[in-house]
C-alpha atoms as a PDB file:
ATOM      1  CA  MET A   1       1.780   2.356   8.794  1.00  0.00           C
ATOM      2  CA  VAL A   2       3.637   5.622   8.898  1.00  0.00           C
ATOM      3  CA  GLU A   3       0.349   7.470   8.562  1.00  0.00           C
ATOM      4  CA  ASP A   4      -1.356   5.511  11.328  1.00  0.00           C
ATOM      5  CA  GLU A   5      -2.819   7.049  14.437  1.00  0.00           C
ATOM      6  CA  PRO A   6      -1.211  10.505  14.851  1.00  0.00           C
ATOM      7  CA  ARG A   7      -1.736  11.495  11.216  1.00  0.00           C
ATOM      8  CA  GLN A   8      -5.284  10.148  11.127  1.00  0.00           C
ATOM      9  CA  ARG A   9      -6.152  11.976  14.355  1.00  0.00           C
ATOM     10  CA  ALA A  10      -4.731  15.204  12.941  1.00  0.00           C
ATOM     11  CA  LYS A  11      -6.686  14.793   9.690  1.00  0.00           C
ATOM     12  CA  LYS A  12      -9.856  14.069  11.662  1.00  0.00           C
ATOM     13  CA  GLN A  13      -9.321  17.159  13.815  1.00  0.00           C
ATOM     14  CA  MET A  14      -8.841  19.200  10.656  1.00  0.00           C
ATOM     15  CA  MET A  15     -12.055  17.806   9.120  1.00  0.00           C
ATOM     16  CA  VAL A  16     -14.061  18.488  12.273  1.00  0.00           C
ATOM     17  CA  LEU A  17     -12.758  22.063  12.368  1.00  0.00           C
ATOM     18  CA  MET A  18     -13.590  22.604   8.697  1.00  0.00           C
ATOM     19  CA  GLN A  19     -17.102  21.199   9.183  1.00  0.00           C
ATOM     20  CA  ALA A  20     -17.535  23.662  12.040  1.00  0.00           C
ATOM     21  CA  GLY A  21     -16.779  26.510   9.621  1.00  0.00           C
ATOM     22  CA  GLN A  22     -13.061  27.009  10.254  1.00  0.00           C
ATOM     23  CA  PRO A  23     -11.158  28.084   7.097  1.00  0.00           C
ATOM     24  CA  TRP A  24      -9.038  25.230   5.713  1.00  0.00           C
ATOM     25  CA  GLN A  25      -5.710  27.022   6.369  1.00  0.00           C
ATOM     26  CA  GLU A  26      -6.527  27.644  10.032  1.00  0.00           C
ATOM     27  CA  ALA A  27      -7.873  24.109  10.481  1.00  0.00           C
ATOM     28  CA  ALA A  28      -4.704  22.684   8.958  1.00  0.00           C
ATOM     29  CA  GLN A  29      -2.492  24.863  11.148  1.00  0.00           C
ATOM     30  CA  ILE A  30      -4.360  23.979  14.348  1.00  0.00           C
ATOM     31  CA  ALA A  31      -4.297  20.254  13.501  1.00  0.00           C
ATOM     32  CA  GLY A  32      -0.647  20.383  12.412  1.00  0.00           C
ATOM     33  CA  VAL A  33      -1.342  19.096   8.908  1.00  0.00           C
ATOM     34  CA  GLN A  34       0.500  20.340   5.854  1.00  0.00           C
ATOM     35  CA  THR A  35      -1.668  20.143   2.766  1.00  0.00           C
ATOM     36  CA  SER A  36      -2.935  22.124  -0.171  1.00  0.00           C
ATOM     37  CA  ARG A  37      -6.332  23.779  -0.416  1.00  0.00           C
ATOM     38  CA  SER A  38      -7.562  21.310  -3.030  1.00  0.00           C
ATOM     39  CA  THR A  39      -6.482  18.315  -0.950  1.00  0.00           C
ATOM     40  CA  ALA A  40      -8.116  19.759   2.168  1.00  0.00           C
ATOM     41  CA  TYR A  41     -11.460  20.110   0.405  1.00  0.00           C
ATOM     42  CA  ARG A  42     -11.131  16.686  -1.251  1.00  0.00           C
ATOM     43  CA  TRP A  43     -10.531  15.183   2.208  1.00  0.00           C
ATOM     44  CA  LEU A  44     -13.516  17.085   3.573  1.00  0.00           C
ATOM     45  CA  GLN A  45     -15.792  15.791   0.810  1.00  0.00           C
ATOM     46  CA  GLN A  46     -14.565  12.229   1.393  1.00  0.00           C
ATOM     47  CA  PHE A  47     -14.973  12.646   5.153  1.00  0.00           C
ATOM     48  CA  ARG A  48     -18.566  13.787   4.679  1.00  0.00           C
ATOM     49  CA  THR A  49     -19.452  10.831   2.462  1.00  0.00           C
ATOM     50  CA  GLN A  50     -17.293   8.049   3.944  1.00  0.00           C
ATOM     51  CA  GLY A  51     -16.832   9.094   7.548  1.00  0.00           C
ATOM     52  CA  GLU A  52     -13.645   8.004   9.304  1.00  0.00           C
ATOM     53  CA  ALA A  53     -12.835   5.486   6.542  1.00  0.00           C
ATOM     54  CA  ALA A  54     -11.800   8.496   4.465  1.00  0.00           C
ATOM     55  CA  LEU A  55      -8.945   9.186   6.887  1.00  0.00           C
ATOM     56  CA  HIS A  56      -7.021   6.119   5.712  1.00  0.00           C
ATOM     57  CA  ASP A  57      -4.439   6.462   2.981  1.00  0.00           C
ATOM     58  CA  GLY A  58      -5.654   4.738  -0.169  1.00  0.00           C
ATOM     59  CA  ARG A  59      -2.576   5.017  -2.360  1.00  0.00           C
ATOM     60  CA  HIS A  60      -1.639   1.631  -3.820  1.00  0.00           C
ATOM     61  CA  GLY A  61       2.110   1.863  -3.649  1.00  0.00           C
ATOM     62  CA  HIS A  62       2.536   3.936  -0.562  1.00  0.00           C
ATOM     63  CA  ILE A  63       5.452   2.775   1.543  1.00  0.00           C
ATOM     64  CA  ALA A  64       3.381   3.269   4.692  1.00  0.00           C
ATOM     65  CA  LYS A  65       1.300   0.243   3.727  1.00  0.00           C
ATOM     66  CA  MET A  66       4.301  -2.055   4.028  1.00  0.00           C
ATOM     67  CA  ARG A  67       4.183  -2.517   7.782  1.00  0.00           C
ATOM     68  CA  LYS A  68       6.697  -4.904   9.291  1.00  0.00           C
ATOM     69  CA  SER A  69       4.135  -7.714   9.606  1.00  0.00           C
ATOM     70  CA  ILE A  70       3.182  -7.377   5.938  1.00  0.00           C
ATOM     71  CA  GLN A  71       6.795  -7.216   4.814  1.00  0.00           C
ATOM     72  CA  GLU A  72       7.674 -10.324   6.846  1.00  0.00           C
ATOM     73  CA  TRP A  73       4.719 -12.181   5.364  1.00  0.00           C
ATOM     74  CA  LEU A  74       5.696 -11.055   1.858  1.00  0.00           C
ATOM     75  CA  GLU A  75       9.291 -12.209   2.277  1.00  0.00           C
ATOM     76  CA  ALA A  76       8.221 -15.590   3.664  1.00  0.00           C
ATOM     77  CA  ARG A  77       5.680 -16.057   0.884  1.00  0.00           C
ATOM     78  CA  CYS A  78       8.208 -15.198  -1.842  1.00  0.00           C
ATOM     79  CA  ARG A  79      10.750 -17.617  -0.375  1.00  0.00           C
ATOM     80  CA  GLN A  80       8.092 -20.311  -0.088  1.00  0.00           C
ATOM     81  CA  GLU A  81       6.994 -19.950  -3.705  1.00  0.00           C
ATOM     82  CA  PRO A  82       9.565 -17.953  -5.743  1.00  0.00           C
ATOM     83  CA  SER A  83       7.666 -18.404  -9.007  1.00  0.00           C
ATOM     84  CA  LEU A  84       4.509 -16.718  -7.631  1.00  0.00           C
ATOM     85  CA  PRO A  85       3.597 -13.730  -9.820  1.00  0.00           C
ATOM     86  CA  SER A  86       3.205 -10.331  -8.185  1.00  0.00           C
ATOM     87  CA  SER A  87      -0.425 -10.200  -9.316  1.00  0.00           C
ATOM     88  CA  SER A  88      -1.121 -13.270  -7.156  1.00  0.00           C
ATOM     89  CA  LEU A  89       0.803 -11.720  -4.250  1.00  0.00           C
ATOM     90  CA  GLN A  90      -1.287  -8.584  -4.631  1.00  0.00           C
ATOM     91  CA  LYS A  91      -4.502 -10.607  -4.307  1.00  0.00           C
ATOM     92  CA  GLU A  92      -3.204 -12.566  -1.309  1.00  0.00           C
ATOM     93  CA  LEU A  93      -2.108  -9.369   0.458  1.00  0.00           C
ATOM     94  CA  ASN A  94      -5.563  -7.928  -0.068  1.00  0.00           C
ATOM     95  CA  ILE A  95      -7.198 -11.064   1.365  1.00  0.00           C
ATOM     96  CA  HIS A  96      -4.873 -11.469   4.370  1.00  0.00           C
ATOM     97  CA  PHE A  97      -4.242  -7.825   5.283  1.00  0.00           C
ATOM     98  CA  THR A  98      -7.032  -5.897   3.479  1.00  0.00           C
ATOM     99  CA  VAL A  99      -4.422  -3.721   1.834  1.00  0.00           C
ATOM    100  CA  LEU A 100      -4.014  -3.016  -1.882  1.00  0.00           C
ATOM    101  CA  VAL A 101      -0.426  -2.583  -3.012  1.00  0.00           C
ATOM    102  CA  SER A 102       0.371  -1.900  -6.658  1.00  0.00           C
ATOM    103  CA  ILE A 103       2.173  -4.569  -8.643  1.00  0.00           C
ATOM    104  CA  THR A 104       4.891  -2.040  -9.482  1.00  0.00           C
ATOM    105  CA  HIS A 105       5.479  -1.402  -5.783  1.00  0.00           C
ATOM    106  CA  LEU A 106       5.487  -5.143  -5.035  1.00  0.00           C
ATOM    107  CA  ASN A 107       8.084  -5.645  -7.755  1.00  0.00           C
ATOM    108  CA  ARG A 108      10.253  -2.875  -6.283  1.00  0.00           C
ATOM    109  CA  ILE A 109      10.053  -4.434  -2.825  1.00  0.00           C
ATOM    110  CA  ARG A 110      10.846  -7.884  -4.195  1.00  0.00           C
ATOM    111  CA  ALA A 111      13.866  -6.529  -6.074  1.00  0.00           C
ATOM    112  CA  ALA A 112      15.114  -4.573  -3.050  1.00  0.00           C
ATOM    113  CA  HIS A 113      15.045  -7.747  -0.937  1.00  0.00           C
ATOM    114  CA  GLY A 114      16.398 -10.094  -3.609  1.00  0.00           C
ATOM    115  CA  LEU A 115      13.007 -11.782  -3.969  1.00  0.00           C
ATOM    116  CA  GLU A 116      12.475 -11.325  -7.694  1.00  0.00           C
ATOM    117  CA  ARG A 117      10.169 -13.817  -9.303  1.00  0.00           C
ATOM    118  CA  GLN A 118      12.004 -16.943 -10.358  1.00  0.00           C
ATOM    119  CA  PRO A 119      10.587 -18.794 -13.351  1.00  0.00           C
ATOM    120  CA  ALA A 120       9.065 -22.145 -12.489  1.00  0.00           C
ATOM    121  CA  ARG A 121      11.574 -24.893 -13.127  1.00  0.00           C
ATOM    122  CA  MET A 122      10.694 -27.312 -15.827  1.00  0.00           C
ATOM    123  CA  GLY A 123      11.897 -30.851 -15.951  1.00  0.00           C
ATOM    124  CA  LYS A 124      15.092 -31.426 -17.890  1.00  0.00           C
ATOM    125  CA  LYS A 125      14.338 -32.030 -21.550  1.00  0.00           C
ATOM    126  CA  SER A 126      16.186 -34.859 -23.105  1.00  0.00           C
ATOM    127  CA  ARG A 127      17.917 -34.193 -26.376  1.00  0.00           C
ATOM    128  CA  PRO A 128      17.526 -36.640 -29.190  1.00  0.00           C
ATOM    129  CA  LYS A 129      20.680 -38.606 -29.711  1.00  0.00           C
ATOM    130  CA  LEU A 130      22.513 -38.047 -32.923  1.00  0.00           C
ATOM    131  CA  ASN A 131      23.449 -41.131 -34.890  1.00  0.00           C
ATOM    132  CA  THR A 132      27.022 -40.875 -36.070  1.00  0.00           C
END
């Protein structure tokens, strides 16, 4: 993830400073985090209720969630079963990697890598013969 360790450490430092009474702007500056006042206080509230779990990015389509290992798995899975719907991929990603990626974002990734869903092939239908 792009947000991984350095960003999470900076957000944690900012939360600890704010809990100690530091104004949000100073805490953000010291921690090296650029954010708005409302986001800073939303993070603080989440940090108070969820602890360090609140430091993780929860956006569904965020590009940072598509780590190389996840992207490689996704590409292999789409090549293995091209007719697999993105909703099924979403569920499998959540099971295997505990990450929730939006279907829209999955579709964008599939399209960017030429892995669009291919309709399941049906057997060839025979046409009735015309009597002439």
